[in-house]
N, C-alpha and C. Protein backbone atom coordinates (compact mmCIF):
# COMPACT_ATOMS: atom_id res chain seq x y z
N MET A 1 101.19 93.55 110.72
CA MET A 1 100.94 94.96 110.85
C MET A 1 100.06 95.19 112.08
N GLN A 2 100.41 96.16 112.89
CA GLN A 2 99.62 96.56 114.06
C GLN A 2 98.50 97.49 113.60
N ILE A 3 97.30 97.22 114.03
CA ILE A 3 96.15 98.08 113.72
C ILE A 3 95.63 98.64 115.03
N ARG A 4 95.61 99.95 115.15
CA ARG A 4 95.15 100.63 116.37
C ARG A 4 93.67 100.93 116.26
N ILE A 5 92.94 100.57 117.30
CA ILE A 5 91.51 100.85 117.39
C ILE A 5 91.32 101.63 118.68
N ASP A 6 90.88 102.88 118.55
CA ASP A 6 90.69 103.72 119.73
C ASP A 6 89.35 104.44 119.63
N ILE A 7 89.08 105.30 120.58
CA ILE A 7 87.80 106.00 120.64
C ILE A 7 87.55 106.80 119.37
N GLU A 8 88.56 107.54 118.93
CA GLU A 8 88.38 108.37 117.73
C GLU A 8 88.14 107.51 116.49
N THR A 9 88.84 106.39 116.39
CA THR A 9 88.64 105.47 115.26
C THR A 9 87.21 104.96 115.23
N LEU A 10 86.72 104.50 116.37
CA LEU A 10 85.35 103.98 116.43
C LEU A 10 84.31 105.07 116.16
N LYS A 11 84.53 106.25 116.70
CA LYS A 11 83.59 107.36 116.46
C LYS A 11 83.50 107.66 114.97
N SER A 12 84.63 107.68 114.30
CA SER A 12 84.66 108.00 112.88
C SER A 12 84.10 106.85 112.03
N ALA A 13 84.57 105.63 112.31
CA ALA A 13 84.18 104.49 111.48
C ALA A 13 82.72 104.08 111.66
N LEU A 14 82.20 104.23 112.88
CA LEU A 14 80.84 103.78 113.17
C LEU A 14 79.83 104.91 113.34
N ARG A 15 80.35 106.14 113.33
CA ARG A 15 79.49 107.32 113.51
C ARG A 15 78.72 107.24 114.84
N ILE A 16 79.50 107.04 115.90
CA ILE A 16 78.92 106.95 117.24
C ILE A 16 79.54 108.01 118.13
N ASP A 17 79.02 108.16 119.34
CA ASP A 17 79.55 109.17 120.26
C ASP A 17 80.64 108.58 121.16
N ASP A 18 81.26 109.45 121.97
CA ASP A 18 82.34 109.03 122.87
C ASP A 18 81.91 107.88 123.78
N GLU A 19 80.75 108.01 124.37
CA GLU A 19 80.29 107.01 125.34
C GLU A 19 80.14 105.64 124.69
N ALA A 20 79.54 105.60 123.51
CA ALA A 20 79.35 104.32 122.81
C ALA A 20 80.71 103.72 122.42
N ALA A 21 81.64 104.57 121.97
CA ALA A 21 82.97 104.10 121.60
C ALA A 21 83.71 103.54 122.82
N GLN A 22 83.61 104.22 123.94
CA GLN A 22 84.25 103.75 125.17
C GLN A 22 83.67 102.40 125.59
N GLN A 23 82.37 102.26 125.46
CA GLN A 23 81.71 101.00 125.82
C GLN A 23 82.21 99.85 124.95
N ILE A 24 82.36 100.09 123.65
CA ILE A 24 82.85 99.05 122.75
C ILE A 24 84.27 98.64 123.14
N ILE A 25 85.12 99.62 123.42
CA ILE A 25 86.50 99.32 123.81
C ILE A 25 86.51 98.51 125.11
N LYS A 26 85.67 98.91 126.05
CA LYS A 26 85.60 98.22 127.34
C LYS A 26 85.12 96.77 127.18
N GLN A 27 84.14 96.55 126.30
CA GLN A 27 83.56 95.22 126.12
C GLN A 27 84.42 94.29 125.28
N THR A 28 85.28 94.85 124.42
CA THR A 28 86.05 94.02 123.49
C THR A 28 87.11 93.21 124.22
N LYS A 29 86.99 91.89 124.11
CA LYS A 29 87.96 90.98 124.72
C LYS A 29 88.74 90.21 123.66
N ILE A 30 88.13 90.06 122.47
CA ILE A 30 88.74 89.30 121.38
C ILE A 30 88.45 90.03 120.07
N ALA A 31 89.37 89.96 119.14
CA ALA A 31 89.13 90.45 117.78
C ALA A 31 89.26 89.25 116.84
N LYS A 32 88.36 89.19 115.87
CA LYS A 32 88.43 88.12 114.88
C LYS A 32 88.78 88.76 113.55
N ILE A 33 89.93 88.37 113.00
CA ILE A 33 90.36 88.86 111.70
C ILE A 33 90.55 87.62 110.84
N GLU A 34 89.80 87.55 109.75
CA GLU A 34 89.72 86.35 108.95
C GLU A 34 89.29 85.23 109.90
N GLU A 35 90.00 84.16 110.03
CA GLU A 35 89.60 83.11 110.97
C GLU A 35 90.40 83.15 112.26
N ALA A 36 91.33 84.09 112.35
CA ALA A 36 92.20 84.17 113.52
C ALA A 36 91.51 84.93 114.65
N LEU A 37 91.56 84.36 115.84
CA LEU A 37 91.08 85.04 117.04
C LEU A 37 92.29 85.67 117.72
N ILE A 38 92.21 86.95 117.98
CA ILE A 38 93.34 87.71 118.49
C ILE A 38 92.94 88.40 119.78
N VAL A 39 93.78 88.31 120.79
CA VAL A 39 93.54 89.04 122.03
C VAL A 39 94.13 90.43 121.86
N PRO A 40 93.29 91.46 121.91
CA PRO A 40 93.80 92.82 121.72
C PRO A 40 94.72 93.24 122.86
N LYS A 41 95.67 94.07 122.54
CA LYS A 41 96.57 94.63 123.55
C LYS A 41 95.97 95.98 123.96
N HIS A 42 95.29 95.96 125.11
CA HIS A 42 94.62 97.17 125.59
C HIS A 42 95.64 98.18 126.08
N GLN A 43 95.38 99.43 125.71
CA GLN A 43 96.18 100.56 126.14
C GLN A 43 95.20 101.67 126.47
N LYS A 44 95.67 102.74 127.02
CA LYS A 44 94.78 103.84 127.38
C LYS A 44 94.00 104.33 126.16
N GLY A 45 92.68 104.30 126.28
CA GLY A 45 91.81 104.82 125.24
C GLY A 45 91.61 103.92 124.04
N GLY A 46 92.11 102.68 124.09
CA GLY A 46 91.92 101.80 122.95
C GLY A 46 92.74 100.53 123.06
N PHE A 47 93.02 99.93 121.90
CA PHE A 47 93.83 98.72 121.86
C PHE A 47 94.40 98.55 120.46
N THR A 48 95.35 97.63 120.33
CA THR A 48 95.89 97.28 119.03
C THR A 48 95.68 95.80 118.79
N VAL A 49 95.57 95.45 117.52
CA VAL A 49 95.50 94.05 117.10
C VAL A 49 96.54 93.85 116.01
N GLU A 50 97.03 92.64 115.93
CA GLU A 50 98.02 92.30 114.91
C GLU A 50 97.31 91.62 113.75
N GLU A 51 97.49 92.14 112.54
CA GLU A 51 96.91 91.51 111.36
C GLU A 51 97.58 90.16 111.16
N PRO A 52 96.80 89.06 111.03
CA PRO A 52 97.40 87.74 110.93
C PRO A 52 98.00 87.42 109.55
N THR A 53 97.69 88.22 108.54
CA THR A 53 98.22 87.98 107.20
C THR A 53 98.98 89.22 106.74
N ASN A 54 99.69 89.08 105.66
CA ASN A 54 100.45 90.20 105.13
C ASN A 54 99.90 90.65 103.79
N ARG A 55 98.61 90.87 103.71
CA ARG A 55 98.01 91.39 102.49
C ARG A 55 98.33 92.87 102.37
N ARG A 56 98.40 93.36 101.16
CA ARG A 56 98.75 94.77 100.95
C ARG A 56 97.57 95.62 100.52
N ASP A 57 96.50 94.98 100.04
CA ASP A 57 95.35 95.77 99.61
C ASP A 57 94.06 95.02 99.89
N GLY A 58 92.96 95.68 99.64
CA GLY A 58 91.66 95.11 99.91
C GLY A 58 91.12 95.58 101.24
N VAL A 59 89.97 95.05 101.60
CA VAL A 59 89.32 95.41 102.84
C VAL A 59 89.45 94.24 103.81
N LEU A 60 89.91 94.53 104.99
CA LEU A 60 90.07 93.52 106.03
C LEU A 60 88.90 93.64 106.99
N ALA A 61 88.13 92.57 107.13
CA ALA A 61 87.00 92.55 108.06
C ALA A 61 87.52 92.23 109.47
N ILE A 62 87.22 93.10 110.41
CA ILE A 62 87.63 92.91 111.80
C ILE A 62 86.36 92.89 112.64
N TYR A 63 86.17 91.81 113.39
CA TYR A 63 85.01 91.68 114.25
C TYR A 63 85.46 91.84 115.69
N LEU A 64 84.85 92.76 116.41
CA LEU A 64 85.15 92.94 117.83
C LEU A 64 84.17 92.08 118.62
N LEU A 65 84.70 91.22 119.50
CA LEU A 65 83.88 90.25 120.23
C LEU A 65 83.98 90.48 121.73
N ASP A 66 82.91 90.13 122.44
CA ASP A 66 82.92 90.25 123.90
C ASP A 66 83.48 88.97 124.53
N GLU A 67 83.39 88.86 125.85
CA GLU A 67 83.98 87.71 126.55
C GLU A 67 83.32 86.39 126.20
N ARG A 68 82.10 86.42 125.65
CA ARG A 68 81.42 85.18 125.24
C ARG A 68 81.59 84.90 123.75
N SER A 69 82.46 85.68 123.10
CA SER A 69 82.72 85.59 121.65
C SER A 69 81.51 85.99 120.81
N VAL A 70 80.68 86.88 121.36
CA VAL A 70 79.55 87.44 120.62
C VAL A 70 80.02 88.72 119.95
N THR A 71 79.66 88.88 118.68
CA THR A 71 80.08 90.05 117.93
C THR A 71 79.47 91.32 118.52
N ILE A 72 80.34 92.28 118.84
CA ILE A 72 79.90 93.60 119.28
C ILE A 72 79.66 94.46 118.05
N THR A 73 80.65 94.49 117.16
CA THR A 73 80.52 95.25 115.93
C THR A 73 81.56 94.80 114.92
N PRO A 74 81.21 94.84 113.63
CA PRO A 74 82.22 94.60 112.60
C PRO A 74 82.83 95.93 112.19
N LEU A 75 84.08 95.88 111.75
CA LEU A 75 84.77 97.05 111.22
C LEU A 75 85.39 96.66 109.88
N ALA A 76 85.59 97.63 109.02
CA ALA A 76 86.25 97.40 107.74
C ALA A 76 87.50 98.26 107.67
N PHE A 77 88.66 97.62 107.53
CA PHE A 77 89.94 98.32 107.47
C PHE A 77 90.47 98.24 106.05
N ASP A 78 90.66 99.39 105.41
CA ASP A 78 91.19 99.48 104.06
C ASP A 78 92.71 99.37 104.15
N LEU A 79 93.24 98.22 103.71
CA LEU A 79 94.68 97.97 103.84
C LEU A 79 95.51 98.94 103.00
N LYS A 80 95.06 99.26 101.82
CA LYS A 80 95.83 100.15 100.95
C LYS A 80 95.90 101.56 101.53
N ALA A 81 94.77 102.06 102.01
CA ALA A 81 94.73 103.42 102.58
C ALA A 81 95.25 103.44 104.01
N GLY A 82 95.27 102.28 104.68
CA GLY A 82 95.74 102.22 106.05
C GLY A 82 94.80 102.85 107.05
N LYS A 83 93.49 102.81 106.75
CA LYS A 83 92.52 103.40 107.67
C LYS A 83 91.20 102.66 107.59
N PHE A 84 90.37 102.91 108.60
CA PHE A 84 89.05 102.29 108.65
C PHE A 84 88.11 103.00 107.70
N ARG A 85 87.20 102.23 107.13
CA ARG A 85 86.18 102.78 106.24
C ARG A 85 84.91 103.03 107.02
N GLN A 86 84.24 104.09 106.65
CA GLN A 86 82.96 104.39 107.27
C GLN A 86 81.87 103.55 106.61
N PRO A 87 80.90 103.14 107.40
CA PRO A 87 79.78 102.42 106.79
C PRO A 87 79.02 103.37 105.87
N GLU A 88 78.58 102.83 104.74
CA GLU A 88 77.80 103.63 103.79
C GLU A 88 76.40 103.06 103.76
N PRO A 89 75.39 103.93 103.83
CA PRO A 89 74.02 103.41 103.78
C PRO A 89 73.71 102.84 102.41
N ASP A 90 72.78 101.89 102.37
CA ASP A 90 72.33 101.36 101.09
C ASP A 90 71.75 102.49 100.27
N ALA A 91 71.86 102.38 98.94
CA ALA A 91 71.38 103.42 98.05
C ALA A 91 69.87 103.64 98.19
N GLU A 92 69.10 102.57 98.30
CA GLU A 92 67.65 102.68 98.43
C GLU A 92 67.18 101.88 99.64
N PRO A 93 67.12 102.52 100.82
CA PRO A 93 66.66 101.77 101.98
C PRO A 93 65.22 101.31 101.81
N ALA A 94 64.93 100.13 102.31
CA ALA A 94 63.58 99.58 102.21
C ALA A 94 62.66 100.24 103.24
N ALA A 95 61.40 99.90 103.18
CA ALA A 95 60.37 100.58 103.96
C ALA A 95 60.58 100.55 105.47
N SER A 96 60.59 99.39 106.07
CA SER A 96 60.65 99.30 107.53
C SER A 96 61.41 98.06 107.96
N ALA A 97 62.35 98.25 108.85
CA ALA A 97 63.16 97.11 109.31
C ALA A 97 62.31 96.08 110.04
N SER A 98 61.24 96.52 110.68
CA SER A 98 60.43 95.57 111.43
C SER A 98 59.62 94.66 110.52
N THR A 99 59.28 95.13 109.32
CA THR A 99 58.48 94.31 108.42
C THR A 99 59.27 93.79 107.24
N ASN A 100 60.46 94.31 107.02
CA ASN A 100 61.22 93.94 105.84
C ASN A 100 62.68 93.73 106.21
N LEU A 101 63.15 92.49 106.16
CA LEU A 101 64.52 92.18 106.53
C LEU A 101 65.53 92.88 105.64
N GLN A 102 65.13 93.19 104.40
CA GLN A 102 66.03 93.89 103.49
C GLN A 102 66.34 95.31 103.97
N ALA A 103 65.54 95.85 104.86
CA ALA A 103 65.76 97.20 105.37
C ALA A 103 66.92 97.27 106.33
N ASP A 104 67.36 96.13 106.85
CA ASP A 104 68.44 96.10 107.83
C ASP A 104 69.60 95.28 107.28
N PRO A 105 70.51 95.94 106.52
CA PRO A 105 71.61 95.18 105.93
C PRO A 105 72.52 94.54 106.98
N GLY A 106 72.65 95.15 108.14
CA GLY A 106 73.48 94.56 109.20
C GLY A 106 72.93 93.21 109.64
N ARG A 107 71.63 93.13 109.82
CA ARG A 107 70.99 91.87 110.23
C ARG A 107 71.11 90.84 109.11
N GLY A 108 70.90 91.27 107.87
CA GLY A 108 71.05 90.36 106.74
C GLY A 108 72.46 89.82 106.63
N PHE A 109 73.44 90.68 106.88
CA PHE A 109 74.84 90.26 106.84
C PHE A 109 75.12 89.24 107.94
N GLU A 110 74.62 89.50 109.15
CA GLU A 110 74.81 88.56 110.26
C GLU A 110 74.22 87.19 109.91
N LEU A 111 73.03 87.17 109.30
CA LEU A 111 72.41 85.90 108.92
C LEU A 111 73.24 85.18 107.85
N ALA A 112 73.76 85.93 106.88
CA ALA A 112 74.60 85.32 105.83
C ALA A 112 75.85 84.72 106.45
N LEU A 113 76.44 85.40 107.44
CA LEU A 113 77.63 84.86 108.11
C LEU A 113 77.30 83.61 108.91
N GLN A 114 76.12 83.58 109.53
CA GLN A 114 75.74 82.39 110.30
C GLN A 114 75.60 81.18 109.39
N ILE A 115 75.06 81.39 108.20
CA ILE A 115 74.95 80.30 107.23
C ILE A 115 76.35 79.92 106.76
N GLY A 116 77.17 80.91 106.48
CA GLY A 116 78.58 80.68 106.19
C GLY A 116 78.91 80.16 104.80
N SER A 117 77.97 80.22 103.88
CA SER A 117 78.24 79.69 102.54
C SER A 117 78.40 80.83 101.53
N LYS A 118 79.02 80.50 100.40
CA LYS A 118 79.14 81.47 99.32
C LYS A 118 77.76 81.90 98.84
N ALA A 119 76.85 80.93 98.74
CA ALA A 119 75.50 81.24 98.24
C ALA A 119 74.80 82.26 99.14
N ALA A 120 74.96 82.14 100.46
CA ALA A 120 74.32 83.07 101.38
C ALA A 120 74.90 84.48 101.21
N LEU A 121 76.22 84.57 101.08
CA LEU A 121 76.85 85.88 100.90
C LEU A 121 76.49 86.49 99.54
N GLU A 122 76.41 85.66 98.52
CA GLU A 122 76.01 86.16 97.19
C GLU A 122 74.56 86.64 97.21
N ALA A 123 73.70 85.94 97.93
CA ALA A 123 72.31 86.38 98.07
C ALA A 123 72.23 87.72 98.79
N PHE A 124 73.04 87.86 99.84
CA PHE A 124 73.08 89.15 100.55
C PHE A 124 73.50 90.26 99.59
N LEU A 125 74.55 90.02 98.80
CA LEU A 125 75.06 91.04 97.87
C LEU A 125 74.05 91.37 96.77
N LYS A 126 73.18 90.43 96.43
CA LYS A 126 72.14 90.69 95.43
C LYS A 126 71.21 91.82 95.91
N TYR A 127 70.89 91.80 97.20
CA TYR A 127 69.98 92.80 97.75
C TYR A 127 70.69 94.02 98.31
N HIS A 128 71.97 93.88 98.66
CA HIS A 128 72.74 94.99 99.23
C HIS A 128 74.10 95.06 98.52
N PRO A 129 74.12 95.53 97.24
CA PRO A 129 75.36 95.51 96.47
C PRO A 129 76.38 96.57 96.88
N ASP A 130 75.97 97.57 97.62
CA ASP A 130 76.86 98.66 97.98
C ASP A 130 76.85 98.88 99.48
N GLY A 131 77.89 99.55 99.96
CA GLY A 131 77.94 99.94 101.35
C GLY A 131 78.91 99.12 102.17
N PHE A 132 78.95 99.44 103.43
CA PHE A 132 79.87 98.86 104.40
C PHE A 132 79.74 97.34 104.48
N TYR A 133 78.52 96.85 104.66
CA TYR A 133 78.32 95.41 104.81
C TYR A 133 78.59 94.66 103.50
N ALA A 134 78.33 95.32 102.36
CA ALA A 134 78.66 94.71 101.08
C ALA A 134 80.16 94.50 100.95
N ASP A 135 80.95 95.47 101.39
CA ASP A 135 82.41 95.33 101.37
C ASP A 135 82.85 94.17 102.26
N LEU A 136 82.24 94.05 103.44
CA LEU A 136 82.58 92.93 104.32
C LEU A 136 82.17 91.59 103.70
N ALA A 137 81.02 91.55 103.05
CA ALA A 137 80.56 90.31 102.41
C ALA A 137 81.51 89.90 101.29
N ARG A 138 81.97 90.87 100.50
CA ARG A 138 82.93 90.56 99.43
C ARG A 138 84.25 90.05 100.01
N ALA A 139 84.69 90.64 101.11
CA ALA A 139 85.93 90.19 101.76
C ALA A 139 85.76 88.74 102.26
N GLN A 140 84.59 88.42 102.81
CA GLN A 140 84.33 87.05 103.29
C GLN A 140 84.29 86.08 102.12
N LEU A 141 83.68 86.48 101.01
CA LEU A 141 83.65 85.63 99.82
C LEU A 141 85.06 85.36 99.31
N GLU A 142 85.88 86.40 99.29
CA GLU A 142 87.27 86.25 98.85
C GLU A 142 88.01 85.25 99.74
N LYS A 143 87.77 85.33 101.02
CA LYS A 143 88.41 84.42 101.97
C LYS A 143 87.98 82.98 101.71
N ILE A 144 86.69 82.76 101.50
CA ILE A 144 86.17 81.42 101.22
C ILE A 144 86.79 80.88 99.93
N GLU A 145 86.85 81.71 98.90
CA GLU A 145 87.41 81.27 97.62
C GLU A 145 88.90 80.94 97.75
N THR A 146 89.63 81.73 98.55
CA THR A 146 91.05 81.46 98.77
C THR A 146 91.23 80.12 99.49
N GLU A 147 90.38 79.88 100.50
CA GLU A 147 90.46 78.62 101.24
C GLU A 147 90.11 77.42 100.34
N GLU A 148 89.12 77.60 99.46
CA GLU A 148 88.75 76.52 98.54
C GLU A 148 89.89 76.22 97.57
N ALA A 149 90.52 77.28 97.07
CA ALA A 149 91.64 77.09 96.14
C ALA A 149 92.81 76.38 96.82
N ALA A 150 93.09 76.75 98.07
CA ALA A 150 94.16 76.11 98.82
C ALA A 150 93.85 74.64 99.09
N ALA A 151 92.59 74.33 99.37
CA ALA A 151 92.19 72.95 99.63
C ALA A 151 92.33 72.09 98.37
N LYS A 152 92.06 72.68 97.20
CA LYS A 152 92.19 71.93 95.95
C LYS A 152 93.65 71.62 95.64
N LYS A 153 94.55 72.52 96.03
CA LYS A 153 95.98 72.32 95.78
C LYS A 153 96.56 71.24 96.70
N ALA A 154 95.96 71.09 97.86
CA ALA A 154 96.50 70.15 98.86
C ALA A 154 96.21 68.71 98.52
């Protein structure tokens, strides 16, 4: 399935302005969907990526990467609805991001991904059970569990 990512998509999904959306499109050189690295097909005002699997439902985590493979931003694509989901703030934000890591779910999610284990993602979900990053964490957990099940069958 072709997934189109353009200025309007980014503005809506990330709640950013035109300039920030244009910058993300300009910087994006690679998209990471599940474990597949995909070179986007740039077109005027955006690009398309090909979904590497044929899932029909759930949330697909799409990471937009720059030329050094550094994550610019994660996106969540709802396969059933066929559209991007907007990030939802945590129900009870913590006091201050500078003094409390729990106040920044994006940073916590990045750290959980760097560790790359089920335990790290489950710990993240303990503190951030709802919202955009929680959906991405659940999608990553599902992917890990699917890979583990496949490895046991082999």
